[in-house]
Amino acid sequence: MGTSTSLPLPFLEASQPLLHWWGEQWLKSTVPIAKLHLTWLETVTEAMQIEAAFFQAMAESGEKLTQCFSYNDGDHSPAALNSCYHEIMQTLTDAHFQRLEKVAELSHEFRRCLWEEI
């Protein structure tokens, strides 16, 4: 069998001091980095849930708009379409402002959680 030769990896060699320092900080830290990372991941999860709720509102509004233009519900006068459109836009506006409010709360909650961990 042939011998295997290891190829030099300059980026790995150059990063060893940083990895060593990171390991020391991890072991010395009074606040485990893992807890901070977990807090960050929980915040990202909440942000994704907020976005999913907004996307759901957008999808429901798109469905409602399709129903407004379909010929199954009868009245298709310009006034009825205008009313339907304004109702949809109000729903989307409310969903967007609710989204912004939750994101603002999320930012404050994230900072509070970080300070609690520290």
N, C-alpha and C. Protein backbone atom coordinates (compact mmCIF):
# COMPACT_ATOMS: atom_id res chain seq x y z
N MET A 1 0.84 -1.18 0.00
CA MET A 1 0.00 0.00 0.00
C MET A 1 0.88 1.23 0.00
N GLY A 2 0.37 2.27 -0.64
CA GLY A 2 1.13 3.51 -0.69
C GLY A 2 0.91 4.33 0.56
N THR A 3 1.81 5.20 0.80
CA THR A 3 1.69 6.08 1.96
C THR A 3 0.88 7.30 1.56
N SER A 4 0.10 7.77 2.48
CA SER A 4 -0.68 8.97 2.18
C SER A 4 0.12 10.19 2.62
N THR A 5 0.07 11.16 1.80
CA THR A 5 0.75 12.41 2.15
C THR A 5 -0.30 13.44 2.46
N SER A 6 -0.06 14.21 3.47
CA SER A 6 -1.03 15.26 3.80
C SER A 6 -0.62 16.54 3.08
N LEU A 7 -1.62 17.14 2.50
CA LEU A 7 -1.37 18.40 1.80
C LEU A 7 -1.39 19.53 2.82
N PRO A 8 -0.53 20.50 2.67
CA PRO A 8 -0.55 21.63 3.61
C PRO A 8 -1.82 22.46 3.39
N LEU A 9 -2.43 22.84 4.46
CA LEU A 9 -3.62 23.68 4.40
C LEU A 9 -3.30 25.00 5.10
N PRO A 10 -2.80 25.98 4.33
CA PRO A 10 -2.36 27.23 4.96
C PRO A 10 -3.47 27.95 5.73
N PHE A 11 -4.70 27.88 5.24
CA PHE A 11 -5.78 28.57 5.94
C PHE A 11 -6.06 27.91 7.30
N LEU A 12 -5.89 26.59 7.36
CA LEU A 12 -6.10 25.89 8.62
C LEU A 12 -4.98 26.21 9.60
N GLU A 13 -3.76 26.24 9.10
CA GLU A 13 -2.64 26.57 9.96
C GLU A 13 -2.74 28.00 10.47
N ALA A 14 -3.17 28.91 9.62
CA ALA A 14 -3.27 30.31 10.01
C ALA A 14 -4.38 30.53 11.03
N SER A 15 -5.41 29.68 11.00
CA SER A 15 -6.54 29.88 11.91
C SER A 15 -6.36 29.17 13.26
N GLN A 16 -5.31 28.40 13.43
CA GLN A 16 -5.10 27.68 14.68
C GLN A 16 -5.03 28.58 15.90
N PRO A 17 -4.30 29.71 15.84
CA PRO A 17 -4.28 30.58 17.03
C PRO A 17 -5.67 31.10 17.40
N LEU A 18 -6.47 31.43 16.39
CA LEU A 18 -7.82 31.91 16.66
C LEU A 18 -8.68 30.80 17.27
N LEU A 19 -8.59 29.60 16.74
CA LEU A 19 -9.34 28.47 17.28
C LEU A 19 -8.91 28.16 18.71
N HIS A 20 -7.64 28.24 18.96
CA HIS A 20 -7.12 28.02 20.31
C HIS A 20 -7.68 29.08 21.27
N TRP A 21 -7.62 30.34 20.86
CA TRP A 21 -8.14 31.43 21.69
C TRP A 21 -9.62 31.23 21.96
N TRP A 22 -10.39 30.88 20.91
CA TRP A 22 -11.83 30.66 21.05
C TRP A 22 -12.09 29.54 22.07
N GLY A 23 -11.34 28.46 21.98
CA GLY A 23 -11.49 27.36 22.92
C GLY A 23 -11.22 27.78 24.34
N GLU A 24 -10.18 28.59 24.54
CA GLU A 24 -9.87 29.10 25.89
C GLU A 24 -11.00 29.98 26.41
N GLN A 25 -11.52 30.84 25.55
CA GLN A 25 -12.61 31.73 25.97
C GLN A 25 -13.85 30.92 26.33
N TRP A 26 -14.09 29.88 25.57
CA TRP A 26 -15.24 29.01 25.81
C TRP A 26 -15.13 28.37 27.20
N LEU A 27 -13.93 27.90 27.53
CA LEU A 27 -13.74 27.22 28.81
C LEU A 27 -13.73 28.19 29.99
N LYS A 28 -13.19 29.40 29.79
CA LYS A 28 -13.08 30.38 30.87
C LYS A 28 -14.36 31.17 31.11
N SER A 29 -15.16 31.24 30.12
CA SER A 29 -16.31 32.13 30.16
C SER A 29 -17.24 31.83 31.32
N THR A 30 -17.67 32.90 32.01
CA THR A 30 -18.68 32.73 33.05
C THR A 30 -20.06 32.60 32.42
N VAL A 31 -20.21 33.10 31.21
CA VAL A 31 -21.45 32.97 30.46
C VAL A 31 -21.16 32.04 29.29
N PRO A 32 -21.63 30.85 29.34
CA PRO A 32 -21.35 29.93 28.25
C PRO A 32 -21.87 30.47 26.92
N ILE A 33 -21.01 30.41 25.94
CA ILE A 33 -21.35 30.89 24.61
C ILE A 33 -22.55 30.12 24.06
N ALA A 34 -22.67 28.87 24.44
CA ALA A 34 -23.77 28.05 23.95
C ALA A 34 -25.12 28.64 24.35
N LYS A 35 -25.22 29.20 25.56
CA LYS A 35 -26.47 29.81 25.99
C LYS A 35 -26.80 31.04 25.15
N LEU A 36 -25.77 31.84 24.86
CA LEU A 36 -25.99 33.01 24.02
C LEU A 36 -26.41 32.58 22.61
N HIS A 37 -25.77 31.54 22.12
CA HIS A 37 -26.12 31.03 20.80
C HIS A 37 -27.55 30.50 20.79
N LEU A 38 -27.95 29.81 21.83
CA LEU A 38 -29.31 29.30 21.94
C LEU A 38 -30.32 30.45 21.97
N THR A 39 -30.01 31.50 22.70
CA THR A 39 -30.89 32.67 22.75
C THR A 39 -31.04 33.27 21.36
N TRP A 40 -29.94 33.38 20.65
CA TRP A 40 -29.98 33.92 19.30
C TRP A 40 -30.82 33.03 18.39
N LEU A 41 -30.64 31.71 18.48
CA LEU A 41 -31.41 30.79 17.65
C LEU A 41 -32.90 30.86 17.97
N GLU A 42 -33.25 31.01 19.24
CA GLU A 42 -34.66 31.15 19.61
C GLU A 42 -35.25 32.42 19.01
N THR A 43 -34.48 33.49 19.01
CA THR A 43 -34.94 34.74 18.42
C THR A 43 -35.13 34.61 16.92
N VAL A 44 -34.20 33.94 16.26
CA VAL A 44 -34.33 33.72 14.82
C VAL A 44 -35.57 32.87 14.53
N THR A 45 -35.82 31.88 15.37
CA THR A 45 -37.00 31.03 15.19
C THR A 45 -38.27 31.86 15.31
N GLU A 46 -38.33 32.73 16.30
CA GLU A 46 -39.49 33.61 16.46
C GLU A 46 -39.66 34.54 15.26
N ALA A 47 -38.55 35.06 14.75
CA ALA A 47 -38.61 35.93 13.58
C ALA A 47 -39.15 35.16 12.37
N MET A 48 -38.74 33.93 12.23
CA MET A 48 -39.24 33.11 11.11
C MET A 48 -40.73 32.83 11.27
N GLN A 49 -41.19 32.64 12.51
CA GLN A 49 -42.62 32.43 12.74
C GLN A 49 -43.42 33.69 12.41
N ILE A 50 -42.87 34.85 12.73
CA ILE A 50 -43.52 36.11 12.40
C ILE A 50 -43.64 36.26 10.89
N GLU A 51 -42.56 35.94 10.18
CA GLU A 51 -42.58 36.02 8.72
C GLU A 51 -43.56 35.02 8.13
N ALA A 52 -43.63 33.82 8.70
CA ALA A 52 -44.56 32.80 8.20
C ALA A 52 -46.00 33.27 8.37
N ALA A 53 -46.30 33.91 9.50
CA ALA A 53 -47.65 34.44 9.73
C ALA A 53 -47.98 35.52 8.70
N PHE A 54 -47.01 36.36 8.38
CA PHE A 54 -47.24 37.41 7.38
C PHE A 54 -47.44 36.79 6.00
N PHE A 55 -46.65 35.78 5.65
CA PHE A 55 -46.82 35.11 4.36
C PHE A 55 -48.19 34.43 4.28
N GLN A 56 -48.66 33.91 5.40
CA GLN A 56 -49.98 33.30 5.42
C GLN A 56 -51.05 34.36 5.14
N ALA A 57 -50.91 35.53 5.76
CA ALA A 57 -51.85 36.62 5.51
C ALA A 57 -51.82 37.05 4.05
N MET A 58 -50.62 37.09 3.46
CA MET A 58 -50.52 37.43 2.04
C MET A 58 -51.20 36.38 1.17
N ALA A 59 -51.00 35.11 1.49
CA ALA A 59 -51.62 34.04 0.71
C ALA A 59 -53.14 34.09 0.82
N GLU A 60 -53.65 34.32 2.02
CA GLU A 60 -55.09 34.41 2.22
C GLU A 60 -55.67 35.61 1.47
N SER A 61 -54.92 36.72 1.44
CA SER A 61 -55.37 37.90 0.71
C SER A 61 -55.38 37.64 -0.79
N GLY A 62 -54.38 36.91 -1.27
CA GLY A 62 -54.36 36.54 -2.68
C GLY A 62 -55.53 35.64 -3.05
N GLU A 63 -55.86 34.74 -2.15
CA GLU A 63 -57.02 33.87 -2.37
C GLU A 63 -58.31 34.68 -2.41
N LYS A 64 -58.42 35.63 -1.48
CA LYS A 64 -59.61 36.50 -1.43
C LYS A 64 -59.71 37.33 -2.71
N LEU A 65 -58.59 37.83 -3.21
CA LEU A 65 -58.59 38.61 -4.43
C LEU A 65 -59.05 37.75 -5.61
N THR A 66 -58.61 36.52 -5.64
CA THR A 66 -59.05 35.60 -6.69
C THR A 66 -60.55 35.39 -6.60
N GLN A 67 -61.07 35.24 -5.40
CA GLN A 67 -62.51 35.07 -5.22
C GLN A 67 -63.27 36.31 -5.67
N CYS A 68 -62.69 37.48 -5.45
CA CYS A 68 -63.34 38.72 -5.86
C CYS A 68 -63.49 38.79 -7.38
N PHE A 69 -62.51 38.26 -8.09
CA PHE A 69 -62.53 38.30 -9.54
C PHE A 69 -63.24 37.10 -10.17
N SER A 70 -63.55 36.11 -9.37
CA SER A 70 -64.23 34.93 -9.93
C SER A 70 -65.70 35.28 -10.18
N TYR A 71 -66.32 34.50 -11.04
CA TYR A 71 -67.71 34.76 -11.38
C TYR A 71 -68.66 33.92 -10.55
N ASN A 72 -68.17 33.32 -9.49
CA ASN A 72 -69.01 32.45 -8.67
C ASN A 72 -69.83 33.21 -7.63
N ASP A 73 -69.40 34.40 -7.25
CA ASP A 73 -70.10 35.07 -6.16
C ASP A 73 -71.05 36.17 -6.62
N GLY A 74 -71.28 36.33 -7.89
CA GLY A 74 -72.32 37.24 -8.36
C GLY A 74 -71.86 38.61 -8.76
N ASP A 75 -71.90 39.56 -7.85
CA ASP A 75 -71.67 40.98 -8.15
C ASP A 75 -70.22 41.26 -8.54
N HIS A 76 -70.04 41.76 -9.75
CA HIS A 76 -68.70 42.11 -10.23
C HIS A 76 -68.65 43.55 -10.73
N SER A 77 -69.43 44.38 -10.09
CA SER A 77 -69.42 45.78 -10.46
C SER A 77 -68.10 46.40 -9.99
N PRO A 78 -67.72 47.51 -10.60
CA PRO A 78 -66.49 48.19 -10.16
C PRO A 78 -66.53 48.56 -8.67
N ALA A 79 -67.69 48.92 -8.18
CA ALA A 79 -67.81 49.29 -6.76
C ALA A 79 -67.55 48.07 -5.86
N ALA A 80 -68.06 46.91 -6.26
CA ALA A 80 -67.86 45.69 -5.46
C ALA A 80 -66.39 45.28 -5.49
N LEU A 81 -65.76 45.36 -6.67
CA LEU A 81 -64.33 45.02 -6.77
C LEU A 81 -63.49 46.01 -5.97
N ASN A 82 -63.85 47.28 -6.01
CA ASN A 82 -63.14 48.30 -5.23
C ASN A 82 -63.26 48.01 -3.74
N SER A 83 -64.45 47.68 -3.29
CA SER A 83 -64.65 47.36 -1.88
C SER A 83 -63.83 46.14 -1.47
N CYS A 84 -63.84 45.12 -2.31
CA CYS A 84 -63.08 43.91 -2.03
C CYS A 84 -61.58 44.21 -1.97
N TYR A 85 -61.11 45.01 -2.93
CA TYR A 85 -59.70 45.36 -2.97
C TYR A 85 -59.29 46.14 -1.72
N HIS A 86 -60.11 47.10 -1.30
CA HIS A 86 -59.79 47.89 -0.11
C HIS A 86 -59.80 47.03 1.15
N GLU A 87 -60.71 46.07 1.20
CA GLU A 87 -60.74 45.15 2.34
C GLU A 87 -59.45 44.33 2.40
N ILE A 88 -59.01 43.85 1.25
CA ILE A 88 -57.77 43.07 1.17
C ILE A 88 -56.57 43.93 1.57
N MET A 89 -56.52 45.14 1.07
CA MET A 89 -55.40 46.02 1.39
C MET A 89 -55.38 46.38 2.88
N GLN A 90 -56.56 46.54 3.48
CA GLN A 90 -56.61 46.82 4.91
C GLN A 90 -56.11 45.62 5.70
N THR A 91 -56.48 44.42 5.26
CA THR A 91 -56.02 43.19 5.93
C THR A 91 -54.50 43.09 5.84
N LEU A 92 -53.94 43.35 4.65
CA LEU A 92 -52.48 43.29 4.48
C LEU A 92 -51.77 44.38 5.28
N THR A 93 -52.37 45.56 5.32
CA THR A 93 -51.77 46.65 6.09
C THR A 93 -51.73 46.30 7.57
N ASP A 94 -52.85 45.78 8.07
CA ASP A 94 -52.90 45.36 9.48
C ASP A 94 -51.87 44.27 9.76
N ALA A 95 -51.77 43.30 8.85
CA ALA A 95 -50.80 42.21 9.04
C ALA A 95 -49.37 42.74 9.04
N HIS A 96 -49.11 43.71 8.15
CA HIS A 96 -47.76 44.27 8.08
C HIS A 96 -47.41 45.05 9.36
N PHE A 97 -48.35 45.86 9.86
CA PHE A 97 -48.08 46.61 11.08
C PHE A 97 -47.95 45.68 12.29
N GLN A 98 -48.73 44.62 12.31
CA GLN A 98 -48.60 43.64 13.37
C GLN A 98 -47.22 42.98 13.30
N ARG A 99 -46.78 42.70 12.09
CA ARG A 99 -45.45 42.12 11.87
C ARG A 99 -44.36 43.06 12.38
N LEU A 100 -44.45 44.34 12.05
CA LEU A 100 -43.45 45.32 12.50
C LEU A 100 -43.45 45.44 14.02
N GLU A 101 -44.64 45.43 14.61
CA GLU A 101 -44.73 45.53 16.07
C GLU A 101 -44.07 44.33 16.74
N LYS A 102 -44.33 43.14 16.22
CA LYS A 102 -43.74 41.93 16.80
C LYS A 102 -42.23 41.92 16.63
N VAL A 103 -41.74 42.39 15.49
CA VAL A 103 -40.30 42.43 15.26
C VAL A 103 -39.64 43.42 16.22
N ALA A 104 -40.28 44.55 16.45
CA ALA A 104 -39.74 45.52 17.41
C ALA A 104 -39.69 44.93 18.81
N GLU A 105 -40.75 44.22 19.20
CA GLU A 105 -40.76 43.55 20.50
C GLU A 105 -39.68 42.48 20.57
N LEU A 106 -39.50 41.79 19.47
CA LEU A 106 -38.51 40.72 19.41
C LEU A 106 -37.11 41.26 19.67
N SER A 107 -36.82 42.42 19.10
CA SER A 107 -35.51 43.04 19.30
C SER A 107 -35.29 43.35 20.78
N HIS A 108 -36.30 43.92 21.44
CA HIS A 108 -36.17 44.23 22.86
C HIS A 108 -36.07 42.96 23.69
N GLU A 109 -36.86 41.96 23.33
CA GLU A 109 -36.84 40.69 24.06
C GLU A 109 -35.48 40.01 23.91
N PHE A 110 -34.90 40.08 22.71
CA PHE A 110 -33.58 39.49 22.47
C PHE A 110 -32.53 40.15 23.34
N ARG A 111 -32.55 41.49 23.40
CA ARG A 111 -31.59 42.21 24.24
C ARG A 111 -31.77 41.85 25.71
N ARG A 112 -33.03 41.74 26.15
CA ARG A 112 -33.30 41.39 27.54
C ARG A 112 -32.75 39.99 27.84
N CYS A 113 -32.98 39.04 26.93
CA CYS A 113 -32.48 37.68 27.13
C CYS A 113 -30.96 37.64 27.18
N LEU A 114 -30.32 38.43 26.31
CA LEU A 114 -28.86 38.47 26.32
C LEU A 114 -28.34 39.00 27.64
N TRP A 115 -28.94 40.08 28.14
CA TRP A 115 -28.49 40.63 29.41
C TRP A 115 -28.73 39.66 30.56
N GLU A 116 -29.83 38.93 30.49
CA GLU A 116 -30.07 37.92 31.53
C GLU A 116 -29.00 36.85 31.52
N GLU A 117 -28.56 36.46 30.32
CA GLU A 117 -27.52 35.43 30.22
C GLU A 117 -26.16 35.95 30.67
N ILE A 118 -25.91 37.21 30.39
CA ILE A 118 -24.62 37.80 30.78
C ILE A 118 -24.61 38.01 32.27
